[in-house]
Amino acid sequence: MIDKRLHELGIKLPDPTPPLFNYVPVMIHQGIAYISGQVPRVNGVIPYPGKVGQDVTIEQARELAEICVLKGLSCLKAEIGSLDEVIQVLKVTGYVQSAPGFTEQPKIIDVVSELLEKIFGEKGRHARTAVGASELPNNTPIEVDFIIAVKQGGTQ
């Protein structure tokens, strides 16, 4: 059903990428999937590196945030087999590498909320935090992590 919805929206999930450092992409405990922070690497490269409000526009940052969502969902699907197993998106945290004085982080992370709701409907509505950061790994402008309730129990 979610695969059909993705197709209707013209969305193709990228292949899940293995972590570059010592962590797992998804950890499931008692039906809650914790999805590690996703950065918008495409073919190993961050398309628009730098600070939002200085090197990166709001529009570019929103595009990068969408990439983070799709990468996170790809990792989740690889772990649980089907996004139809999603019960509810519970929480999203978006980090925006911000130029001094930049305060429009929620405007950027809104695209994450909008996309999750388009994909999952009411199940995509969630609590959220949008945080400005002075630096993020590899000069990425955006990093997003997710907490999602899933039907599958996972590890205890």
N, C-alpha and C. Protein backbone atom coordinates (compact mmCIF):
# COMPACT_ATOMS: atom_id res chain seq x y z
N MET A 1 0.82 -1.20 0.00
CA MET A 1 0.00 0.00 0.00
C MET A 1 0.88 1.28 0.00
N ILE A 2 1.90 1.31 0.88
CA ILE A 2 2.78 2.48 0.90
C ILE A 2 3.62 2.52 -0.38
N ASP A 3 4.04 1.35 -0.87
CA ASP A 3 4.78 1.34 -2.14
C ASP A 3 3.92 1.93 -3.26
N LYS A 4 2.63 1.60 -3.26
CA LYS A 4 1.71 2.16 -4.25
C LYS A 4 1.61 3.67 -4.08
N ARG A 5 1.52 4.13 -2.83
CA ARG A 5 1.44 5.56 -2.55
C ARG A 5 2.71 6.28 -3.03
N LEU A 6 3.86 5.69 -2.76
CA LEU A 6 5.12 6.28 -3.24
C LEU A 6 5.11 6.39 -4.76
N HIS A 7 4.65 5.34 -5.43
CA HIS A 7 4.57 5.35 -6.89
C HIS A 7 3.64 6.46 -7.38
N GLU A 8 2.47 6.60 -6.74
CA GLU A 8 1.52 7.66 -7.10
C GLU A 8 2.14 9.05 -6.95
N LEU A 9 2.98 9.20 -5.92
CA LEU A 9 3.63 10.49 -5.67
C LEU A 9 4.87 10.70 -6.54
N GLY A 10 5.23 9.66 -7.33
CA GLY A 10 6.43 9.77 -8.17
C GLY A 10 7.72 9.70 -7.37
N ILE A 11 7.68 9.01 -6.23
CA ILE A 11 8.83 8.91 -5.34
C ILE A 11 9.44 7.52 -5.44
N LYS A 12 10.74 7.48 -5.63
CA LYS A 12 11.48 6.22 -5.61
C LYS A 12 12.48 6.31 -4.47
N LEU A 13 12.41 5.34 -3.56
CA LEU A 13 13.37 5.33 -2.46
C LEU A 13 14.75 4.96 -2.98
N PRO A 14 15.78 5.62 -2.47
CA PRO A 14 17.14 5.25 -2.85
C PRO A 14 17.50 3.91 -2.21
N ASP A 15 18.54 3.29 -2.70
CA ASP A 15 19.05 2.10 -2.04
C ASP A 15 19.60 2.51 -0.67
N PRO A 16 19.37 1.67 0.35
CA PRO A 16 19.95 2.01 1.66
C PRO A 16 21.47 1.99 1.58
N THR A 17 22.09 2.93 2.25
CA THR A 17 23.55 2.99 2.24
C THR A 17 24.08 2.56 3.60
N PRO A 18 25.17 1.83 3.61
CA PRO A 18 25.74 1.42 4.89
C PRO A 18 26.33 2.63 5.62
N PRO A 19 26.35 2.58 6.94
CA PRO A 19 26.91 3.70 7.69
C PRO A 19 28.40 3.87 7.42
N LEU A 20 28.85 5.11 7.50
CA LEU A 20 30.28 5.39 7.30
C LEU A 20 31.06 5.23 8.60
N PHE A 21 30.35 5.21 9.73
CA PHE A 21 31.01 5.15 11.02
C PHE A 21 30.42 4.00 11.83
N ASN A 22 30.72 3.92 13.11
CA ASN A 22 30.36 2.78 13.94
C ASN A 22 28.98 2.95 14.59
N TYR A 23 27.94 2.67 13.83
CA TYR A 23 26.56 2.69 14.34
C TYR A 23 25.70 1.86 13.39
N VAL A 24 24.47 1.60 13.79
CA VAL A 24 23.54 0.90 12.92
C VAL A 24 22.52 1.90 12.38
N PRO A 25 22.05 1.71 11.15
CA PRO A 25 21.10 2.66 10.57
C PRO A 25 19.76 2.69 11.30
N VAL A 26 19.31 1.51 11.76
CA VAL A 26 18.00 1.41 12.43
C VAL A 26 18.15 0.46 13.62
N MET A 27 17.61 0.88 14.76
CA MET A 27 17.55 0.01 15.93
C MET A 27 16.08 -0.07 16.34
N ILE A 28 15.58 -1.30 16.45
CA ILE A 28 14.19 -1.49 16.85
C ILE A 28 14.17 -2.10 18.24
N HIS A 29 13.39 -1.49 19.11
CA HIS A 29 13.22 -1.99 20.48
C HIS A 29 11.75 -1.85 20.86
N GLN A 30 11.14 -2.97 21.18
CA GLN A 30 9.74 -3.00 21.63
C GLN A 30 8.81 -2.23 20.67
N GLY A 31 8.99 -2.49 19.40
CA GLY A 31 8.10 -1.91 18.40
C GLY A 31 8.39 -0.46 18.04
N ILE A 32 9.48 0.08 18.53
CA ILE A 32 9.87 1.46 18.20
C ILE A 32 11.16 1.41 17.40
N ALA A 33 11.12 1.99 16.19
CA ALA A 33 12.30 2.06 15.33
C ALA A 33 12.96 3.43 15.51
N TYR A 34 14.22 3.37 15.88
CA TYR A 34 15.04 4.57 16.01
C TYR A 34 15.94 4.60 14.77
N ILE A 35 15.72 5.59 13.91
CA ILE A 35 16.46 5.68 12.66
C ILE A 35 17.56 6.72 12.84
N SER A 36 18.79 6.28 12.65
CA SER A 36 19.95 7.16 12.84
C SER A 36 19.85 8.39 11.94
N GLY A 37 20.55 9.44 12.35
CA GLY A 37 20.57 10.66 11.57
C GLY A 37 20.97 10.42 10.13
N GLN A 38 20.16 10.96 9.24
CA GLN A 38 20.39 10.81 7.80
C GLN A 38 20.91 12.13 7.25
N VAL A 39 21.99 12.04 6.48
CA VAL A 39 22.50 13.22 5.79
C VAL A 39 22.22 13.05 4.29
N PRO A 40 22.11 14.15 3.56
CA PRO A 40 21.67 14.09 2.16
C PRO A 40 22.78 13.79 1.17
N ARG A 41 23.49 12.70 1.39
CA ARG A 41 24.53 12.30 0.45
C ARG A 41 23.87 11.64 -0.76
N VAL A 42 24.26 12.06 -1.95
CA VAL A 42 23.78 11.45 -3.19
C VAL A 42 25.02 10.99 -3.95
N ASN A 43 25.10 9.69 -4.20
CA ASN A 43 26.30 9.13 -4.83
C ASN A 43 27.57 9.53 -4.08
N GLY A 44 27.47 9.54 -2.75
CA GLY A 44 28.62 9.84 -1.91
C GLY A 44 28.94 11.31 -1.72
N VAL A 45 28.12 12.19 -2.30
CA VAL A 45 28.41 13.63 -2.27
C VAL A 45 27.21 14.39 -1.71
N ILE A 46 27.49 15.40 -0.90
CA ILE A 46 26.43 16.30 -0.44
C ILE A 46 26.27 17.38 -1.51
N PRO A 47 25.09 17.44 -2.15
CA PRO A 47 24.92 18.35 -3.29
C PRO A 47 25.17 19.83 -2.99
N TYR A 48 24.75 20.28 -1.83
CA TYR A 48 24.93 21.70 -1.47
C TYR A 48 25.55 21.75 -0.08
N PRO A 49 26.87 21.70 0.05
CA PRO A 49 27.48 21.77 1.36
C PRO A 49 27.48 23.20 1.91
N GLY A 50 27.57 23.30 3.22
CA GLY A 50 27.73 24.62 3.84
C GLY A 50 26.61 24.97 4.79
N LYS A 51 26.60 26.22 5.18
CA LYS A 51 25.64 26.73 6.16
C LYS A 51 24.43 27.33 5.45
N VAL A 52 23.26 26.99 5.97
CA VAL A 52 22.03 27.56 5.43
C VAL A 52 21.98 29.04 5.84
N GLY A 53 21.60 29.88 4.89
CA GLY A 53 21.58 31.31 5.14
C GLY A 53 22.88 31.99 4.78
N GLN A 54 23.85 31.20 4.32
CA GLN A 54 25.13 31.74 3.89
C GLN A 54 25.56 31.10 2.58
N ASP A 55 25.73 29.77 2.58
CA ASP A 55 26.17 29.04 1.39
C ASP A 55 25.03 28.31 0.69
N VAL A 56 23.97 28.04 1.44
CA VAL A 56 22.87 27.21 0.98
C VAL A 56 21.57 27.98 1.18
N THR A 57 20.72 28.00 0.15
CA THR A 57 19.43 28.69 0.25
C THR A 57 18.41 27.83 1.01
N ILE A 58 17.35 28.44 1.43
CA ILE A 58 16.27 27.71 2.08
C ILE A 58 15.71 26.66 1.12
N GLU A 59 15.53 27.00 -0.13
CA GLU A 59 15.00 26.05 -1.12
C GLU A 59 15.93 24.85 -1.29
N GLN A 60 17.23 25.10 -1.37
CA GLN A 60 18.19 24.00 -1.48
C GLN A 60 18.17 23.13 -0.22
N ALA A 61 18.08 23.77 0.93
CA ALA A 61 18.04 23.03 2.20
C ALA A 61 16.79 22.16 2.28
N ARG A 62 15.66 22.67 1.81
CA ARG A 62 14.43 21.87 1.79
C ARG A 62 14.58 20.65 0.88
N GLU A 63 15.23 20.84 -0.25
CA GLU A 63 15.50 19.72 -1.16
C GLU A 63 16.36 18.67 -0.46
N LEU A 64 17.38 19.11 0.27
CA LEU A 64 18.25 18.20 0.99
C LEU A 64 17.49 17.47 2.10
N ALA A 65 16.59 18.17 2.76
CA ALA A 65 15.79 17.55 3.82
C ALA A 65 14.91 16.44 3.26
N GLU A 66 14.37 16.63 2.07
CA GLU A 66 13.57 15.56 1.44
C GLU A 66 14.44 14.33 1.17
N ILE A 67 15.67 14.54 0.74
CA ILE A 67 16.58 13.43 0.51
C ILE A 67 16.79 12.66 1.82
N CYS A 68 16.94 13.38 2.92
CA CYS A 68 17.12 12.74 4.23
C CYS A 68 15.92 11.85 4.57
N VAL A 69 14.71 12.32 4.29
CA VAL A 69 13.51 11.52 4.57
C VAL A 69 13.56 10.23 3.77
N LEU A 70 13.81 10.33 2.48
CA LEU A 70 13.81 9.15 1.62
C LEU A 70 14.90 8.16 2.03
N LYS A 71 16.06 8.66 2.43
CA LYS A 71 17.13 7.78 2.89
C LYS A 71 16.72 7.08 4.18
N GLY A 72 16.09 7.82 5.09
CA GLY A 72 15.65 7.22 6.34
C GLY A 72 14.60 6.14 6.12
N LEU A 73 13.64 6.41 5.24
CA LEU A 73 12.61 5.42 4.94
C LEU A 73 13.21 4.21 4.24
N SER A 74 14.21 4.42 3.41
CA SER A 74 14.89 3.31 2.75
C SER A 74 15.55 2.40 3.78
N CYS A 75 16.22 2.98 4.76
CA CYS A 75 16.86 2.20 5.83
C CYS A 75 15.81 1.44 6.64
N LEU A 76 14.70 2.10 6.94
CA LEU A 76 13.64 1.44 7.70
C LEU A 76 13.05 0.28 6.92
N LYS A 77 12.78 0.50 5.65
CA LYS A 77 12.21 -0.57 4.81
C LYS A 77 13.17 -1.76 4.74
N ALA A 78 14.45 -1.50 4.62
CA ALA A 78 15.43 -2.59 4.58
C ALA A 78 15.41 -3.39 5.88
N GLU A 79 15.15 -2.72 6.98
CA GLU A 79 15.15 -3.38 8.29
C GLU A 79 13.87 -4.18 8.55
N ILE A 80 12.70 -3.62 8.15
CA ILE A 80 11.42 -4.27 8.51
C ILE A 80 10.72 -4.93 7.33
N GLY A 81 11.23 -4.74 6.12
CA GLY A 81 10.67 -5.42 4.96
C GLY A 81 9.63 -4.65 4.18
N SER A 82 8.79 -3.88 4.86
CA SER A 82 7.74 -3.13 4.18
C SER A 82 7.36 -1.91 5.02
N LEU A 83 7.17 -0.79 4.35
CA LEU A 83 6.73 0.41 5.07
C LEU A 83 5.26 0.32 5.49
N ASP A 84 4.57 -0.73 5.03
CA ASP A 84 3.21 -0.97 5.52
C ASP A 84 3.22 -1.36 7.00
N GLU A 85 4.38 -1.72 7.53
CA GLU A 85 4.52 -2.07 8.95
C GLU A 85 4.54 -0.84 9.85
N VAL A 86 4.59 0.36 9.27
CA VAL A 86 4.61 1.59 10.07
C VAL A 86 3.24 1.80 10.72
N ILE A 87 3.25 1.96 12.02
CA ILE A 87 2.04 2.27 12.76
C ILE A 87 1.87 3.79 12.86
N GLN A 88 2.98 4.48 13.21
CA GLN A 88 2.92 5.93 13.39
C GLN A 88 4.33 6.50 13.39
N VAL A 89 4.51 7.60 12.68
CA VAL A 89 5.74 8.37 12.83
C VAL A 89 5.56 9.14 14.14
N LEU A 90 6.46 8.93 15.08
CA LEU A 90 6.30 9.53 16.41
C LEU A 90 7.03 10.86 16.55
N LYS A 91 8.30 10.89 16.11
CA LYS A 91 9.11 12.08 16.35
C LYS A 91 10.14 12.24 15.26
N VAL A 92 10.34 13.46 14.86
CA VAL A 92 11.38 13.83 13.89
C VAL A 92 12.24 14.91 14.54
N THR A 93 13.54 14.78 14.40
CA THR A 93 14.44 15.85 14.82
C THR A 93 15.26 16.26 13.60
N GLY A 94 15.19 17.53 13.28
CA GLY A 94 15.94 18.06 12.14
C GLY A 94 16.99 19.04 12.61
N TYR A 95 18.19 18.84 12.14
CA TYR A 95 19.32 19.71 12.47
C TYR A 95 19.70 20.49 11.23
N VAL A 96 19.84 21.79 11.38
CA VAL A 96 20.16 22.66 10.25
C VAL A 96 21.46 23.39 10.58
N GLN A 97 22.50 23.13 9.78
CA GLN A 97 23.75 23.86 9.95
C GLN A 97 23.51 25.29 9.50
N SER A 98 23.50 26.20 10.47
CA SER A 98 22.99 27.54 10.22
C SER A 98 24.08 28.61 10.29
N ALA A 99 23.97 29.58 9.39
CA ALA A 99 24.82 30.76 9.45
C ALA A 99 24.44 31.56 10.69
N PRO A 100 25.36 32.34 11.23
CA PRO A 100 25.02 33.18 12.39
C PRO A 100 23.79 34.05 12.08
N GLY A 101 22.86 34.06 13.00
CA GLY A 101 21.65 34.86 12.84
C GLY A 101 20.53 34.20 12.06
N PHE A 102 20.78 33.04 11.47
CA PHE A 102 19.73 32.34 10.71
C PHE A 102 18.76 31.68 11.68
N THR A 103 17.46 31.96 11.54
CA THR A 103 16.47 31.46 12.49
C THR A 103 15.27 30.79 11.83
N GLU A 104 15.41 30.39 10.57
CA GLU A 104 14.27 29.81 9.87
C GLU A 104 14.35 28.28 9.74
N GLN A 105 14.94 27.63 10.74
CA GLN A 105 15.06 26.19 10.72
C GLN A 105 13.71 25.48 10.56
N PRO A 106 12.63 25.94 11.25
CA PRO A 106 11.33 25.26 11.08
C PRO A 106 10.83 25.28 9.65
N LYS A 107 11.11 26.33 8.91
CA LYS A 107 10.67 26.42 7.51
C LYS A 107 11.31 25.31 6.68
N ILE A 108 12.53 24.96 7.00
CA ILE A 108 13.23 23.90 6.28
C ILE A 108 12.70 22.53 6.69
N ILE A 109 12.58 22.31 7.98
CA ILE A 109 12.17 21.00 8.47
C ILE A 109 10.68 20.75 8.21
N ASP A 110 9.92 21.79 7.91
CA ASP A 110 8.51 21.60 7.51
C ASP A 110 8.39 20.66 6.32
N VAL A 111 9.35 20.69 5.40
CA VAL A 111 9.27 19.81 4.23
C VAL A 111 9.34 18.35 4.65
N VAL A 112 10.05 18.05 5.73
CA VAL A 112 10.10 16.69 6.26
C VAL A 112 8.70 16.28 6.73
N SER A 113 8.08 17.14 7.51
CA SER A 113 6.74 16.86 8.03
C SER A 113 5.73 16.72 6.89
N GLU A 114 5.82 17.61 5.92
CA GLU A 114 4.89 17.57 4.78
C GLU A 114 5.04 16.28 3.99
N LEU A 115 6.28 15.86 3.74
CA LEU A 115 6.52 14.65 2.95
C LEU A 115 6.05 13.40 3.70
N LEU A 116 6.34 13.32 4.98
CA LEU A 116 5.89 12.16 5.76
C LEU A 116 4.37 12.07 5.80
N GLU A 117 3.70 13.20 5.88
CA GLU A 117 2.24 13.19 5.87
C GLU A 117 1.70 12.81 4.49
N LYS A 118 2.35 13.26 3.42
CA LYS A 118 1.93 12.85 2.07
C LYS A 118 2.04 11.34 1.89
N ILE A 119 3.11 10.78 2.42
CA ILE A 119 3.36 9.35 2.25
C ILE A 119 2.45 8.50 3.15
N PHE A 120 2.36 8.86 4.42
CA PHE A 120 1.67 8.02 5.40
C PHE A 120 0.30 8.53 5.84
N GLY A 121 -0.12 9.70 5.36
CA GLY A 121 -1.38 10.26 5.82
C GLY A 121 -1.29 10.61 7.30
N GLU A 122 -2.34 10.34 8.07
CA GLU A 122 -2.36 10.65 9.50
C GLU A 122 -1.24 9.95 10.25
N LYS A 123 -0.85 8.78 9.78
CA LYS A 123 0.25 8.05 10.42
C LYS A 123 1.58 8.79 10.28
N GLY A 124 1.63 9.75 9.39
CA GLY A 124 2.85 10.52 9.17
C GLY A 124 2.95 11.77 10.03
N ARG A 125 1.87 12.11 10.74
CA ARG A 125 1.90 13.30 11.61
C ARG A 125 2.69 12.96 12.87
N HIS A 126 3.48 13.90 13.37
CA HIS A 126 4.44 13.56 14.41
C HIS A 126 4.81 14.78 15.25
N ALA A 127 5.43 14.51 16.39
CA ALA A 127 6.09 15.55 17.17
C ALA A 127 7.41 15.87 16.46
N ARG A 128 7.93 17.08 16.71
CA ARG A 128 9.11 17.47 15.95
C ARG A 128 9.95 18.50 16.69
N THR A 129 11.24 18.46 16.41
CA THR A 129 12.17 19.48 16.86
C THR A 129 12.99 19.92 15.66
N ALA A 130 13.14 21.24 15.50
CA ALA A 130 14.00 21.80 14.45
C ALA A 130 15.08 22.61 15.16
N VAL A 131 16.33 22.20 14.98
CA VAL A 131 17.44 22.77 15.74
C VAL A 131 18.45 23.40 14.80
N GLY A 132 18.92 24.58 15.15
CA GLY A 132 20.03 25.19 14.43
C GLY A 132 21.33 24.70 15.04
N ALA A 133 22.30 24.35 14.20
CA ALA A 133 23.59 23.87 14.66
C ALA A 133 24.69 24.69 13.99
N SER A 134 25.76 24.93 14.73
CA SER A 134 26.86 25.70 14.14
C SER A 134 27.67 24.85 13.17
N GLU A 135 27.76 23.55 13.43
CA GLU A 135 28.51 22.64 12.55
C GLU A 135 27.81 21.29 12.52
N LEU A 136 27.82 20.63 11.36
CA LEU A 136 27.33 19.27 11.22
C LEU A 136 28.40 18.46 10.49
N PRO A 137 28.37 17.13 10.62
CA PRO A 137 29.40 16.29 10.00
C PRO A 137 29.54 16.54 8.49
N ASN A 138 30.78 16.57 8.05
CA ASN A 138 31.11 16.69 6.62
C ASN A 138 30.51 17.93 5.97
N ASN A 139 30.26 18.96 6.77
CA ASN A 139 29.72 20.22 6.26
C ASN A 139 28.34 20.07 5.62
N THR A 140 27.58 19.04 6.07
CA THR A 140 26.23 18.88 5.55
C THR A 140 25.32 19.95 6.14
N PRO A 141 24.45 20.54 5.35
CA PRO A 141 23.54 21.54 5.88
C PRO A 141 22.40 20.95 6.72
N ILE A 142 22.08 19.66 6.49
CA ILE A 142 20.89 19.06 7.10
C ILE A 142 21.23 17.66 7.61
N GLU A 143 20.68 17.33 8.77
CA GLU A 143 20.66 15.96 9.26
C GLU A 143 19.31 15.75 9.93
N VAL A 144 18.69 14.61 9.67
CA VAL A 144 17.36 14.32 10.21
C VAL A 144 17.36 12.91 10.79
N ASP A 145 16.80 12.77 12.00
CA ASP A 145 16.59 11.43 12.54
C ASP A 145 15.11 11.25 12.87
N PHE A 146 14.71 9.99 13.05
CA PHE A 146 13.30 9.65 13.16
C PHE A 146 13.08 8.62 14.25
N ILE A 147 11.91 8.68 14.88
CA ILE A 147 11.43 7.64 15.78
C ILE A 147 10.06 7.23 15.25
N ILE A 148 9.92 5.94 14.93
CA ILE A 148 8.71 5.46 14.26
C ILE A 148 8.23 4.17 14.92
N ALA A 149 6.96 4.11 15.26
CA ALA A 149 6.36 2.88 15.79
C ALA A 149 6.07 1.94 14.63
N VAL A 150 6.46 0.66 14.80
CA VAL A 150 6.27 -0.33 13.76
C VAL A 150 5.58 -1.56 14.34
N LYS A 151 4.88 -2.30 13.46
CA LYS A 151 4.16 -3.50 13.89
C LYS A 151 5.09 -4.58 14.38
N GLN A 152 6.23 -4.70 13.76
CA GLN A 152 7.21 -5.72 14.10
C GLN A 152 7.86 -5.38 15.45
N GLY A 153 7.98 -6.33 16.34
CA GLY A 153 8.48 -6.06 17.69
C GLY A 153 9.94 -5.73 17.79
N GLY A 154 10.78 -6.27 16.94
CA GLY A 154 12.20 -5.99 17.02
C GLY A 154 12.84 -6.65 18.22
N THR A 155 14.03 -6.18 18.59
CA THR A 155 14.74 -6.76 19.71
C THR A 155 14.14 -6.30 21.03
N GLN A 156 14.32 -7.11 22.04
CA GLN A 156 13.72 -6.78 23.34
C GLN A 156 14.77 -6.22 24.23
